[in-house]
Amino acid sequence: MGIGGKGCMKLLAIFSNSALLKTGAQNAYGFLAEKRKRLAQYAHLDREYEQNKFKGPLLLEQVFDVAAKGMEEPDFLHYCNDYFEINKRENIDDQLKKLQKRFSKIVIFTAYPSAIYTELLMKGLVSAVYGAEHELSGFEVSGMKPFVYNDEDAVKEVFTPLEGLHNFTHEPNRYGMLAKLIDIMKENGLKVQDVVIVGEGVTAHPSYPLSGKQVARLEDLR
């Protein structure tokens, strides 16, 4: 399956939070919910997700609201930074620097708040982070922004044979990440062989048909 014209670069698409965080790292939404004393509400949604994650509902918007909605933006960003400082892998900067020599673009796809990975973006270690972006009402987090696609019709044309139009979404869940990857490939004229995916979970799996190689961990890239 090809998308666009002649491949012009190599894209490393990281769909695995565990590739960037320490083994056993707490779920980021659990961390944020705990800070807000809403852990019980989060745990209820998390159990429901785990029971139904292969068929839905994916509950990302509800989880985001429990963990972040109504929080002052400076507090939200502070907690996201704290989470990454506590949980980031010790050698992640060096690993990404080495991978930059092999890939023209390194992109993180995550259902976590994208603000968690701001440090990697600010250091220039990744090209972009596509995840749960927060919307604001005044100085408070009011919810989660939808994904915006450069060419939605073209994205749907590729997406529909893979997952069905009923699964197309602007939410940064597994299907939204698939749609965003299609959008990036279209925009940059990438083919399947130009894309390598890191991740082996349910979030990464829908995007496998769009990649020439899939690995579980950054260390598996040879």
N, C-alpha and C. Protein backbone atom coordinates (compact mmCIF):
# COMPACT_ATOMS: atom_id res chain seq x y z
N MET A 1 0.85 -1.20 0.00
CA MET A 1 0.00 0.00 0.00
C MET A 1 0.88 1.24 0.00
N GLY A 2 0.67 2.12 -0.93
CA GLY A 2 1.47 3.34 -1.00
C GLY A 2 0.61 4.57 -0.80
N ILE A 3 1.19 5.59 -0.27
CA ILE A 3 0.49 6.87 -0.07
C ILE A 3 1.38 7.95 -0.65
N GLY A 4 0.81 8.80 -1.50
CA GLY A 4 1.58 9.91 -2.02
C GLY A 4 2.57 9.48 -3.08
N GLY A 5 3.51 10.35 -3.35
CA GLY A 5 4.47 10.11 -4.41
C GLY A 5 5.77 9.52 -3.91
N LYS A 6 6.85 9.99 -4.45
CA LYS A 6 8.16 9.45 -4.14
C LYS A 6 8.55 9.76 -2.69
N GLY A 7 9.01 8.73 -1.94
CA GLY A 7 9.42 8.93 -0.56
C GLY A 7 10.56 9.92 -0.45
N CYS A 8 10.47 10.86 0.49
CA CYS A 8 11.50 11.90 0.58
C CYS A 8 12.21 11.88 1.92
N MET A 9 11.80 11.01 2.84
CA MET A 9 12.45 10.98 4.14
C MET A 9 12.06 9.71 4.87
N LYS A 10 12.68 9.50 6.00
CA LYS A 10 12.33 8.37 6.85
C LYS A 10 11.64 8.91 8.10
N LEU A 11 10.50 8.35 8.41
CA LEU A 11 9.72 8.78 9.56
C LEU A 11 9.74 7.70 10.63
N LEU A 12 10.16 8.06 11.85
CA LEU A 12 10.06 7.18 13.00
C LEU A 12 8.84 7.62 13.80
N ALA A 13 7.83 6.75 13.87
CA ALA A 13 6.58 7.06 14.56
C ALA A 13 6.54 6.28 15.86
N ILE A 14 6.65 6.98 16.98
CA ILE A 14 6.69 6.34 18.30
C ILE A 14 5.28 6.33 18.88
N PHE A 15 4.67 5.15 18.92
CA PHE A 15 3.32 4.97 19.44
C PHE A 15 3.34 4.40 20.86
N SER A 16 4.51 4.24 21.42
CA SER A 16 4.64 3.58 22.72
C SER A 16 5.17 4.54 23.77
N ASN A 17 4.35 4.85 24.78
CA ASN A 17 4.84 5.65 25.90
C ASN A 17 5.96 4.93 26.64
N SER A 18 5.89 3.60 26.68
CA SER A 18 6.92 2.83 27.40
C SER A 18 8.27 2.91 26.73
N ALA A 19 8.31 3.33 25.47
CA ALA A 19 9.60 3.52 24.80
C ALA A 19 10.32 4.75 25.32
N LEU A 20 9.57 5.66 25.93
CA LEU A 20 10.11 6.93 26.39
C LEU A 20 10.18 7.05 27.91
N LEU A 21 9.45 6.17 28.60
CA LEU A 21 9.33 6.25 30.05
C LEU A 21 9.93 5.02 30.72
N LYS A 22 10.20 5.16 32.00
CA LYS A 22 10.76 4.06 32.78
C LYS A 22 9.79 2.88 32.83
N THR A 23 10.35 1.69 32.96
CA THR A 23 9.52 0.50 33.15
C THR A 23 8.70 0.65 34.43
N GLY A 24 7.41 0.37 34.34
CA GLY A 24 6.55 0.48 35.50
C GLY A 24 6.05 1.87 35.79
N ALA A 25 6.24 2.82 34.87
CA ALA A 25 5.77 4.19 35.07
C ALA A 25 4.26 4.22 35.26
N GLN A 26 3.81 5.02 36.20
CA GLN A 26 2.38 5.18 36.44
C GLN A 26 1.70 5.76 35.21
N ASN A 27 0.47 5.35 34.95
CA ASN A 27 -0.29 5.95 33.87
C ASN A 27 -0.39 7.45 34.10
N ALA A 28 -0.15 8.24 33.06
CA ALA A 28 -0.11 9.70 33.21
C ALA A 28 -1.44 10.26 33.69
N TYR A 29 -2.55 9.69 33.23
CA TYR A 29 -3.84 10.18 33.67
C TYR A 29 -4.10 9.83 35.13
N GLY A 30 -3.62 8.67 35.56
CA GLY A 30 -3.71 8.32 36.97
C GLY A 30 -2.92 9.29 37.83
N PHE A 31 -1.75 9.69 37.34
CA PHE A 31 -0.90 10.65 38.05
C PHE A 31 -1.62 11.99 38.21
N LEU A 32 -2.20 12.47 37.11
CA LEU A 32 -2.90 13.76 37.16
C LEU A 32 -4.15 13.67 38.03
N ALA A 33 -4.89 12.57 37.90
CA ALA A 33 -6.10 12.40 38.71
C ALA A 33 -5.77 12.34 40.19
N GLU A 34 -4.66 11.70 40.52
CA GLU A 34 -4.23 11.61 41.92
C GLU A 34 -3.91 13.00 42.48
N LYS A 35 -3.27 13.83 41.68
CA LYS A 35 -2.96 15.19 42.11
C LYS A 35 -4.23 15.98 42.43
N ARG A 36 -5.32 15.63 41.75
CA ARG A 36 -6.59 16.35 41.92
C ARG A 36 -7.54 15.65 42.88
N LYS A 37 -7.04 14.57 43.47
CA LYS A 37 -7.88 13.77 44.38
C LYS A 37 -9.11 13.22 43.66
N ARG A 38 -8.90 12.78 42.43
CA ARG A 38 -9.97 12.18 41.62
C ARG A 38 -9.59 10.77 41.17
N LEU A 39 -8.74 10.13 41.94
CA LEU A 39 -8.22 8.83 41.54
C LEU A 39 -9.32 7.78 41.42
N ALA A 40 -10.32 7.82 42.28
CA ALA A 40 -11.40 6.84 42.23
C ALA A 40 -12.19 6.97 40.92
N GLN A 41 -12.45 8.21 40.51
CA GLN A 41 -13.16 8.42 39.25
C GLN A 41 -12.34 7.92 38.07
N TYR A 42 -11.04 8.21 38.09
CA TYR A 42 -10.16 7.73 37.03
C TYR A 42 -10.12 6.21 37.01
N ALA A 43 -9.97 5.58 38.18
CA ALA A 43 -9.85 4.13 38.26
C ALA A 43 -11.09 3.44 37.70
N HIS A 44 -12.27 4.02 37.93
CA HIS A 44 -13.51 3.46 37.40
C HIS A 44 -13.48 3.46 35.87
N LEU A 45 -13.08 4.58 35.27
CA LEU A 45 -12.99 4.67 33.82
C LEU A 45 -11.91 3.76 33.26
N ASP A 46 -10.80 3.66 33.97
CA ASP A 46 -9.69 2.82 33.52
C ASP A 46 -10.11 1.35 33.49
N ARG A 47 -10.83 0.92 34.51
CA ARG A 47 -11.32 -0.47 34.54
C ARG A 47 -12.27 -0.73 33.37
N GLU A 48 -13.15 0.23 33.11
CA GLU A 48 -14.09 0.08 32.00
C GLU A 48 -13.35 0.00 30.67
N TYR A 49 -12.31 0.84 30.52
CA TYR A 49 -11.51 0.81 29.29
C TYR A 49 -10.82 -0.55 29.13
N GLU A 50 -10.19 -1.04 30.18
CA GLU A 50 -9.47 -2.30 30.10
C GLU A 50 -10.40 -3.46 29.74
N GLN A 51 -11.63 -3.41 30.21
CA GLN A 51 -12.60 -4.46 29.92
C GLN A 51 -13.09 -4.41 28.47
N ASN A 52 -13.04 -3.22 27.87
CA ASN A 52 -13.65 -3.04 26.55
C ASN A 52 -12.70 -2.47 25.50
N LYS A 53 -11.38 -2.50 25.76
CA LYS A 53 -10.46 -1.75 24.90
C LYS A 53 -10.36 -2.28 23.48
N PHE A 54 -10.78 -3.52 23.25
CA PHE A 54 -10.71 -4.05 21.90
C PHE A 54 -11.97 -3.76 21.09
N LYS A 55 -13.04 -3.32 21.75
CA LYS A 55 -14.27 -3.03 21.02
C LYS A 55 -14.85 -1.66 21.35
N GLY A 56 -14.31 -0.96 22.35
CA GLY A 56 -14.78 0.37 22.72
C GLY A 56 -15.87 0.31 23.76
N PRO A 57 -16.30 1.47 24.29
CA PRO A 57 -15.80 2.81 23.97
C PRO A 57 -14.41 3.06 24.53
N LEU A 58 -13.68 3.97 23.90
CA LEU A 58 -12.29 4.20 24.28
C LEU A 58 -12.14 5.20 25.43
N LEU A 59 -13.16 6.02 25.69
CA LEU A 59 -13.28 6.81 26.92
C LEU A 59 -12.17 7.86 27.13
N LEU A 60 -11.43 8.19 26.09
CA LEU A 60 -10.31 9.11 26.28
C LEU A 60 -10.77 10.49 26.71
N GLU A 61 -11.82 10.99 26.09
CA GLU A 61 -12.30 12.33 26.45
C GLU A 61 -12.76 12.39 27.90
N GLN A 62 -13.45 11.33 28.35
CA GLN A 62 -13.92 11.28 29.73
C GLN A 62 -12.76 11.22 30.72
N VAL A 63 -11.75 10.43 30.38
CA VAL A 63 -10.56 10.33 31.24
C VAL A 63 -9.82 11.66 31.30
N PHE A 64 -9.68 12.31 30.15
CA PHE A 64 -9.00 13.61 30.11
C PHE A 64 -9.74 14.62 30.99
N ASP A 65 -11.07 14.61 30.91
CA ASP A 65 -11.86 15.56 31.71
C ASP A 65 -11.67 15.33 33.21
N VAL A 66 -11.66 14.06 33.62
CA VAL A 66 -11.45 13.75 35.04
C VAL A 66 -10.08 14.23 35.50
N ALA A 67 -9.06 14.01 34.66
CA ALA A 67 -7.68 14.31 35.05
C ALA A 67 -7.31 15.77 34.91
N ALA A 68 -7.97 16.52 33.99
CA ALA A 68 -7.47 17.86 33.68
C ALA A 68 -8.51 18.96 33.62
N LYS A 69 -9.74 18.65 33.28
CA LYS A 69 -10.74 19.71 33.08
C LYS A 69 -10.96 20.51 34.35
N GLY A 70 -10.91 21.84 34.21
CA GLY A 70 -11.10 22.72 35.36
C GLY A 70 -9.82 23.07 36.08
N MET A 71 -8.70 22.47 35.70
CA MET A 71 -7.41 22.77 36.33
C MET A 71 -6.84 24.06 35.73
N GLU A 72 -6.21 24.88 36.56
CA GLU A 72 -5.52 26.05 36.04
C GLU A 72 -4.39 25.59 35.12
N GLU A 73 -4.24 26.26 33.98
CA GLU A 73 -3.26 25.80 32.99
C GLU A 73 -1.84 25.71 33.56
N PRO A 74 -1.35 26.71 34.34
CA PRO A 74 0.01 26.57 34.89
C PRO A 74 0.17 25.32 35.74
N ASP A 75 -0.86 24.96 36.51
CA ASP A 75 -0.80 23.74 37.32
C ASP A 75 -0.75 22.50 36.43
N PHE A 76 -1.59 22.48 35.41
CA PHE A 76 -1.63 21.35 34.48
C PHE A 76 -0.26 21.14 33.83
N LEU A 77 0.33 22.22 33.33
CA LEU A 77 1.64 22.11 32.67
C LEU A 77 2.72 21.71 33.67
N HIS A 78 2.62 22.22 34.89
CA HIS A 78 3.57 21.86 35.93
C HIS A 78 3.50 20.38 36.25
N TYR A 79 2.30 19.84 36.40
CA TYR A 79 2.14 18.42 36.71
C TYR A 79 2.61 17.54 35.55
N CYS A 80 2.34 17.98 34.32
CA CYS A 80 2.83 17.22 33.15
C CYS A 80 4.35 17.17 33.13
N ASN A 81 4.99 18.30 33.42
CA ASN A 81 6.44 18.35 33.49
C ASN A 81 6.97 17.46 34.61
N ASP A 82 6.31 17.52 35.78
CA ASP A 82 6.72 16.68 36.90
C ASP A 82 6.63 15.20 36.53
N TYR A 83 5.54 14.84 35.86
CA TYR A 83 5.36 13.43 35.48
C TYR A 83 6.52 12.95 34.61
N PHE A 84 6.89 13.77 33.64
CA PHE A 84 7.97 13.35 32.74
C PHE A 84 9.31 13.31 33.48
N GLU A 85 9.57 14.28 34.34
CA GLU A 85 10.84 14.28 35.09
C GLU A 85 10.96 13.06 35.99
N ILE A 86 9.85 12.64 36.57
CA ILE A 86 9.85 11.46 37.45
C ILE A 86 10.01 10.17 36.66
N ASN A 87 9.39 10.12 35.48
CA ASN A 87 9.25 8.86 34.78
C ASN A 87 10.07 8.69 33.50
N LYS A 88 10.75 9.72 33.04
CA LYS A 88 11.46 9.58 31.77
C LYS A 88 12.63 8.61 31.91
N ARG A 89 12.90 7.90 30.83
CA ARG A 89 14.04 6.99 30.81
C ARG A 89 15.32 7.80 30.88
N GLU A 90 16.27 7.29 31.64
CA GLU A 90 17.50 8.05 31.89
C GLU A 90 18.29 8.33 30.62
N ASN A 91 18.24 7.43 29.65
CA ASN A 91 19.05 7.59 28.45
C ASN A 91 18.25 8.03 27.24
N ILE A 92 17.04 8.55 27.45
CA ILE A 92 16.18 8.84 26.31
C ILE A 92 16.75 9.93 25.41
N ASP A 93 17.40 10.94 25.96
CA ASP A 93 17.98 12.00 25.13
C ASP A 93 19.04 11.42 24.19
N ASP A 94 19.93 10.60 24.73
CA ASP A 94 20.99 10.01 23.91
C ASP A 94 20.43 9.10 22.83
N GLN A 95 19.41 8.32 23.19
CA GLN A 95 18.81 7.42 22.20
C GLN A 95 18.20 8.19 21.04
N LEU A 96 17.48 9.26 21.36
CA LEU A 96 16.83 10.04 20.31
C LEU A 96 17.86 10.77 19.45
N LYS A 97 18.94 11.24 20.06
CA LYS A 97 20.00 11.90 19.29
C LYS A 97 20.61 10.94 18.27
N LYS A 98 20.82 9.70 18.67
CA LYS A 98 21.36 8.70 17.75
C LYS A 98 20.38 8.40 16.62
N LEU A 99 19.10 8.34 16.97
CA LEU A 99 18.09 8.02 15.96
C LEU A 99 17.89 9.16 14.97
N GLN A 100 18.19 10.39 15.38
CA GLN A 100 18.08 11.52 14.47
C GLN A 100 19.03 11.39 13.28
N LYS A 101 20.09 10.62 13.44
CA LYS A 101 21.04 10.40 12.34
C LYS A 101 20.46 9.46 11.28
N ARG A 102 19.44 8.70 11.67
CA ARG A 102 18.85 7.70 10.78
C ARG A 102 17.48 8.10 10.24
N PHE A 103 16.81 9.00 10.95
CA PHE A 103 15.45 9.38 10.56
C PHE A 103 15.35 10.88 10.37
N SER A 104 14.70 11.29 9.30
CA SER A 104 14.52 12.72 9.02
C SER A 104 13.52 13.35 9.98
N LYS A 105 12.56 12.54 10.43
CA LYS A 105 11.51 13.06 11.30
C LYS A 105 11.19 12.00 12.36
N ILE A 106 11.16 12.42 13.64
CA ILE A 106 10.75 11.55 14.74
C ILE A 106 9.51 12.17 15.36
N VAL A 107 8.43 11.41 15.36
CA VAL A 107 7.14 11.93 15.82
C VAL A 107 6.57 11.01 16.90
N ILE A 108 6.05 11.62 17.97
CA ILE A 108 5.39 10.88 19.04
C ILE A 108 3.89 10.95 18.82
N PHE A 109 3.24 9.79 18.84
CA PHE A 109 1.78 9.69 18.81
C PHE A 109 1.36 9.13 20.17
N THR A 110 0.52 9.85 20.89
CA THR A 110 0.19 9.42 22.24
C THR A 110 -1.22 9.83 22.61
N ALA A 111 -1.90 8.99 23.39
CA ALA A 111 -3.19 9.37 23.97
C ALA A 111 -3.00 10.13 25.29
N TYR A 112 -1.76 10.22 25.76
CA TYR A 112 -1.44 11.03 26.94
C TYR A 112 -1.49 12.52 26.56
N PRO A 113 -1.58 13.40 27.55
CA PRO A 113 -1.44 14.83 27.24
C PRO A 113 -0.12 15.10 26.52
N SER A 114 -0.19 15.76 25.40
CA SER A 114 1.03 16.02 24.63
C SER A 114 2.02 16.88 25.41
N ALA A 115 1.53 17.66 26.37
CA ALA A 115 2.40 18.53 27.18
C ALA A 115 3.42 17.74 27.98
N ILE A 116 3.17 16.46 28.19
CA ILE A 116 4.13 15.61 28.92
C ILE A 116 5.47 15.56 28.19
N TYR A 117 5.42 15.63 26.87
CA TYR A 117 6.64 15.48 26.08
C TYR A 117 7.20 16.81 25.57
N THR A 118 6.77 17.92 26.19
CA THR A 118 7.24 19.25 25.78
C THR A 118 8.77 19.35 25.84
N GLU A 119 9.38 18.75 26.87
CA GLU A 119 10.84 18.83 27.01
C GLU A 119 11.54 18.26 25.79
N LEU A 120 11.08 17.12 25.29
CA LEU A 120 11.70 16.49 24.12
C LEU A 120 11.53 17.37 22.89
N LEU A 121 10.39 18.02 22.79
CA LEU A 121 10.12 18.90 21.66
C LEU A 121 10.98 20.16 21.75
N MET A 122 11.09 20.74 22.94
CA MET A 122 11.87 21.97 23.12
C MET A 122 13.36 21.73 22.89
N LYS A 123 13.83 20.54 23.21
CA LYS A 123 15.24 20.20 22.98
C LYS A 123 15.52 19.84 21.53
N GLY A 124 14.49 19.77 20.71
CA GLY A 124 14.67 19.40 19.31
C GLY A 124 14.95 17.92 19.10
N LEU A 125 14.59 17.10 20.09
CA LEU A 125 14.85 15.67 19.99
C LEU A 125 13.76 14.94 19.21
N VAL A 126 12.59 15.54 19.13
CA VAL A 126 11.52 15.01 18.29
C VAL A 126 10.98 16.15 17.43
N SER A 127 10.39 15.78 16.30
CA SER A 127 9.89 16.79 15.36
C SER A 127 8.52 17.31 15.74
N ALA A 128 7.71 16.42 16.34
CA ALA A 128 6.34 16.80 16.70
C ALA A 128 5.79 15.80 17.71
N VAL A 129 4.78 16.25 18.44
CA VAL A 129 4.05 15.38 19.36
C VAL A 129 2.57 15.53 19.05
N TYR A 130 1.92 14.43 18.69
CA TYR A 130 0.48 14.44 18.43
C TYR A 130 -0.20 13.63 19.52
N GLY A 131 -0.93 14.32 20.38
CA GLY A 131 -1.58 13.68 21.51
C GLY A 131 -2.75 14.49 21.98
N ALA A 132 -3.07 14.36 23.25
CA ALA A 132 -4.20 15.07 23.84
C ALA A 132 -3.78 16.51 24.16
N GLU A 133 -4.16 17.42 23.30
CA GLU A 133 -3.90 18.85 23.51
C GLU A 133 -5.04 19.44 24.34
N HIS A 134 -4.70 20.35 25.23
CA HIS A 134 -5.74 20.93 26.07
C HIS A 134 -6.29 22.23 25.49
N GLU A 135 -7.60 22.41 25.63
CA GLU A 135 -8.25 23.67 25.30
C GLU A 135 -8.39 24.50 26.55
N LEU A 136 -8.55 25.81 26.37
CA LEU A 136 -8.64 26.72 27.52
C LEU A 136 -9.93 27.52 27.51
N SER A 137 -10.43 27.78 28.70
CA SER A 137 -11.48 28.76 28.93
C SER A 137 -10.92 29.71 29.98
N GLY A 138 -10.51 30.87 29.52
CA GLY A 138 -9.76 31.76 30.42
C GLY A 138 -8.41 31.14 30.71
N PHE A 139 -8.14 30.89 31.99
CA PHE A 139 -6.87 30.28 32.38
C PHE A 139 -7.04 28.81 32.78
N GLU A 140 -8.26 28.26 32.57
CA GLU A 140 -8.54 26.89 32.97
C GLU A 140 -8.60 25.96 31.78
N VAL A 141 -8.16 24.72 32.00
CA VAL A 141 -8.31 23.68 30.99
C VAL A 141 -9.80 23.36 30.87
N SER A 142 -10.33 23.48 29.66
CA SER A 142 -11.77 23.27 29.45
C SER A 142 -12.09 21.95 28.76
N GLY A 143 -11.07 21.24 28.32
CA GLY A 143 -11.29 19.98 27.63
C GLY A 143 -10.14 19.65 26.71
N MET A 144 -10.40 18.76 25.78
CA MET A 144 -9.37 18.24 24.88
C MET A 144 -9.64 18.70 23.46
N LYS A 145 -8.63 19.23 22.80
CA LYS A 145 -8.78 19.69 21.42
C LYS A 145 -8.91 18.50 20.46
N PRO A 146 -9.72 18.65 19.44
CA PRO A 146 -9.79 17.61 18.41
C PRO A 146 -8.59 17.72 17.47
N PHE A 147 -8.22 16.60 16.87
CA PHE A 147 -7.21 16.63 15.81
C PHE A 147 -7.77 17.40 14.61
N VAL A 148 -6.89 18.11 13.93
CA VAL A 148 -7.23 18.78 12.67
C VAL A 148 -6.36 18.15 11.59
N TYR A 149 -6.98 17.78 10.48
CA TYR A 149 -6.25 17.14 9.39
C TYR A 149 -6.11 18.11 8.22
N ASN A 150 -4.95 18.08 7.57
CA ASN A 150 -4.69 18.99 6.45
C ASN A 150 -5.64 18.73 5.28
N ASP A 151 -5.91 17.45 5.02
CA ASP A 151 -6.80 17.06 3.92
C ASP A 151 -7.66 15.91 4.41
N GLU A 152 -8.76 16.25 5.05
CA GLU A 152 -9.59 15.24 5.71
C GLU A 152 -10.18 14.24 4.71
N ASP A 153 -10.59 14.70 3.55
CA ASP A 153 -11.16 13.78 2.56
C ASP A 153 -10.13 12.75 2.11
N ALA A 154 -8.89 13.20 1.89
CA ALA A 154 -7.84 12.28 1.48
C ALA A 154 -7.50 11.29 2.59
N VAL A 155 -7.55 11.76 3.84
CA VAL A 155 -7.31 10.88 4.98
C VAL A 155 -8.40 9.81 5.06
N LYS A 156 -9.64 10.21 4.92
CA LYS A 156 -10.76 9.26 4.98
C LYS A 156 -10.67 8.21 3.88
N GLU A 157 -10.16 8.61 2.73
CA GLU A 157 -10.05 7.68 1.60
C GLU A 157 -9.12 6.51 1.93
N VAL A 158 -8.05 6.79 2.67
CA VAL A 158 -7.12 5.73 3.07
C VAL A 158 -7.61 5.03 4.33
N PHE A 159 -8.19 5.80 5.24
CA PHE A 159 -8.62 5.27 6.53
C PHE A 159 -9.74 4.24 6.39
N THR A 160 -10.71 4.53 5.55
CA THR A 160 -11.94 3.73 5.47
C THR A 160 -11.70 2.25 5.17
N PRO A 161 -10.85 1.89 4.18
CA PRO A 161 -10.61 0.46 3.95
C PRO A 161 -9.90 -0.23 5.11
N LEU A 162 -9.19 0.53 5.94
CA LEU A 162 -8.45 -0.06 7.06
C LEU A 162 -9.33 -0.31 8.27
N GLU A 163 -10.12 0.70 8.66
CA GLU A 163 -10.88 0.61 9.92
C GLU A 163 -12.37 0.92 9.78
N GLY A 164 -12.80 1.27 8.59
CA GLY A 164 -14.20 1.62 8.41
C GLY A 164 -14.47 3.07 8.77
N LEU A 165 -15.31 3.73 8.01
CA LEU A 165 -15.56 5.15 8.24
C LEU A 165 -16.20 5.40 9.61
N HIS A 166 -16.89 4.40 10.16
CA HIS A 166 -17.54 4.58 11.47
C HIS A 166 -16.52 4.77 12.59
N ASN A 167 -15.27 4.36 12.36
CA ASN A 167 -14.22 4.54 13.37
C ASN A 167 -13.41 5.81 13.17
N PHE A 168 -13.66 6.54 12.08
CA PHE A 168 -12.93 7.78 11.85
C PHE A 168 -13.25 8.78 12.96
N THR A 169 -12.23 9.45 13.45
CA THR A 169 -12.42 10.34 14.61
C THR A 169 -11.42 11.49 14.59
N HIS A 170 -11.75 12.54 15.32
CA HIS A 170 -10.82 13.65 15.55
C HIS A 170 -10.25 13.57 16.96
N GLU A 171 -10.59 12.53 17.69
CA GLU A 171 -10.07 12.32 19.03
C GLU A 171 -8.71 11.63 18.94
N PRO A 172 -7.74 11.99 19.77
CA PRO A 172 -6.40 11.40 19.67
C PRO A 172 -6.31 10.00 20.27
N ASN A 173 -7.30 9.15 19.96
CA ASN A 173 -7.21 7.76 20.36
C ASN A 173 -6.51 6.97 19.25
N ARG A 174 -6.56 5.64 19.29
CA ARG A 174 -5.81 4.84 18.32
C ARG A 174 -6.24 5.13 16.88
N TYR A 175 -7.53 5.40 16.67
CA TYR A 175 -8.01 5.66 15.32
C TYR A 175 -7.65 7.08 14.87
N GLY A 176 -7.68 8.02 15.82
CA GLY A 176 -7.24 9.37 15.49
C GLY A 176 -5.76 9.41 15.16
N MET A 177 -4.96 8.60 15.88
CA MET A 177 -3.53 8.54 15.58
C MET A 177 -3.28 7.94 14.20
N LEU A 178 -4.06 6.92 13.85
CA LEU A 178 -3.96 6.36 12.50
C LEU A 178 -4.27 7.42 11.46
N ALA A 179 -5.35 8.17 11.68
CA ALA A 179 -5.73 9.21 10.74
C ALA A 179 -4.65 10.29 10.65
N LYS A 180 -4.05 10.63 11.79
CA LYS A 180 -3.00 11.66 11.78
C LYS A 180 -1.76 11.17 11.04
N LEU A 181 -1.42 9.89 11.20
CA LEU A 181 -0.29 9.33 10.47
C LEU A 181 -0.56 9.38 8.97
N ILE A 182 -1.76 9.02 8.55
CA ILE A 182 -2.12 9.12 7.14
C ILE A 182 -1.95 10.55 6.65
N ASP A 183 -2.41 11.50 7.43
CA ASP A 183 -2.33 12.91 7.08
C ASP A 183 -0.88 13.35 6.89
N ILE A 184 -0.01 12.92 7.80
CA ILE A 184 1.42 13.27 7.70
C ILE A 184 2.05 12.63 6.47
N MET A 185 1.70 11.38 6.22
CA MET A 185 2.25 10.69 5.05
C MET A 185 1.80 11.37 3.76
N LYS A 186 0.54 11.76 3.70
CA LYS A 186 0.02 12.47 2.53
C LYS A 186 0.77 13.80 2.33
N GLU A 187 0.90 14.53 3.42
CA GLU A 187 1.52 15.86 3.35
C GLU A 187 2.97 15.80 2.90
N ASN A 188 3.68 14.72 3.30
CA ASN A 188 5.11 14.61 3.00
C ASN A 188 5.43 13.65 1.87
N GLY A 189 4.41 13.11 1.23
CA GLY A 189 4.64 12.20 0.11
C GLY A 189 5.34 10.92 0.50
N LEU A 190 5.02 10.39 1.68
CA LEU A 190 5.69 9.20 2.19
C LEU A 190 5.00 7.92 1.73
N LYS A 191 5.80 6.90 1.53
CA LYS A 191 5.28 5.57 1.25
C LYS A 191 5.46 4.70 2.49
N VAL A 192 4.80 3.53 2.45
CA VAL A 192 4.85 2.61 3.58
C VAL A 192 6.29 2.30 3.98
N GLN A 193 7.15 2.08 3.02
CA GLN A 193 8.54 1.71 3.33
C GLN A 193 9.33 2.84 3.98
N ASP A 194 8.77 4.04 3.99
CA ASP A 194 9.45 5.19 4.61
C ASP A 194 9.13 5.32 6.09
N VAL A 195 8.23 4.49 6.61
CA VAL A 195 7.73 4.64 7.98
C VAL A 195 8.11 3.45 8.85
N VAL A 196 8.65 3.74 10.03
CA VAL A 196 8.94 2.72 11.04
C VAL A 196 8.13 3.06 12.28
N ILE A 197 7.42 2.07 12.82
CA ILE A 197 6.59 2.28 14.01
C ILE A 197 7.23 1.61 15.22
N VAL A 198 7.28 2.34 16.33
CA VAL A 198 7.70 1.78 17.62
C VAL A 198 6.45 1.60 18.47
N GLY A 199 6.17 0.38 18.87
CA GLY A 199 5.00 0.09 19.68
C GLY A 199 4.33 -1.18 19.22
N GLU A 200 3.81 -1.95 20.16
CA GLU A 200 3.16 -3.22 19.79
C GLU A 200 1.80 -3.38 20.46
N GLY A 201 1.29 -2.33 21.12
CA GLY A 201 0.02 -2.42 21.82
C GLY A 201 -1.17 -2.07 20.94
N VAL A 202 -2.34 -1.99 21.57
CA VAL A 202 -3.56 -1.72 20.81
C VAL A 202 -3.55 -0.33 20.19
N THR A 203 -2.79 0.59 20.75
CA THR A 203 -2.72 1.94 20.18
C THR A 203 -1.96 1.94 18.86
N ALA A 204 -0.88 1.18 18.80
CA ALA A 204 -0.04 1.16 17.61
C ALA A 204 -0.60 0.28 16.50
N HIS A 205 -1.27 -0.78 16.88
CA HIS A 205 -1.61 -1.84 15.92
C HIS A 205 -2.39 -1.37 14.70
N PRO A 206 -3.39 -0.48 14.83
CA PRO A 206 -4.12 -0.06 13.62
C PRO A 206 -3.25 0.60 12.57
N SER A 207 -2.12 1.17 12.97
CA SER A 207 -1.25 1.89 12.03
C SER A 207 -0.21 0.98 11.37
N TYR A 208 -0.11 -0.26 11.79
CA TYR A 208 0.87 -1.17 11.20
C TYR A 208 0.83 -1.26 9.68
N PRO A 209 -0.37 -1.30 9.06
CA PRO A 209 -0.39 -1.41 7.59
C PRO A 209 0.26 -0.24 6.87
N LEU A 210 0.48 0.86 7.57
CA LEU A 210 1.08 2.05 6.96
C LEU A 210 2.58 2.12 7.17
N SER A 211 3.18 1.06 7.70
CA SER A 211 4.62 1.09 8.01
C SER A 211 5.33 -0.10 7.39
N GLY A 212 6.59 0.15 7.03
CA GLY A 212 7.40 -0.92 6.46
C GLY A 212 8.05 -1.79 7.51
N LYS A 213 8.12 -1.28 8.75
CA LYS A 213 8.75 -2.03 9.83
C LYS A 213 8.10 -1.63 11.15
N GLN A 214 7.95 -2.63 12.04
CA GLN A 214 7.40 -2.36 13.37
C GLN A 214 8.30 -3.02 14.41
N VAL A 215 8.61 -2.28 15.46
CA VAL A 215 9.42 -2.81 16.56
C VAL A 215 8.72 -2.49 17.88
N ALA A 216 9.04 -3.27 18.89
CA ALA A 216 8.43 -3.06 20.20
C ALA A 216 9.10 -1.94 20.98
N ARG A 217 10.43 -1.83 20.83
CA ARG A 217 11.21 -0.89 21.65
C ARG A 217 12.20 -0.13 20.78
N LEU A 218 12.66 1.00 21.25
CA LEU A 218 13.69 1.75 20.52
C LEU A 218 14.95 0.89 20.36
N GLU A 219 15.23 0.07 21.35
CA GLU A 219 16.44 -0.78 21.31
C GLU A 219 16.37 -1.81 20.19
N ASP A 220 15.16 -2.07 19.67
CA ASP A 220 15.02 -3.07 18.62
C ASP A 220 15.34 -2.50 17.24
N LEU A 221 15.58 -1.20 17.16
CA LEU A 221 15.93 -0.59 15.88
C LEU A 221 17.38 -0.88 15.57
N ARG A 222 17.61 -1.60 14.55
CA ARG A 222 18.98 -1.99 14.16
C ARG A 222 19.30 -1.48 12.76
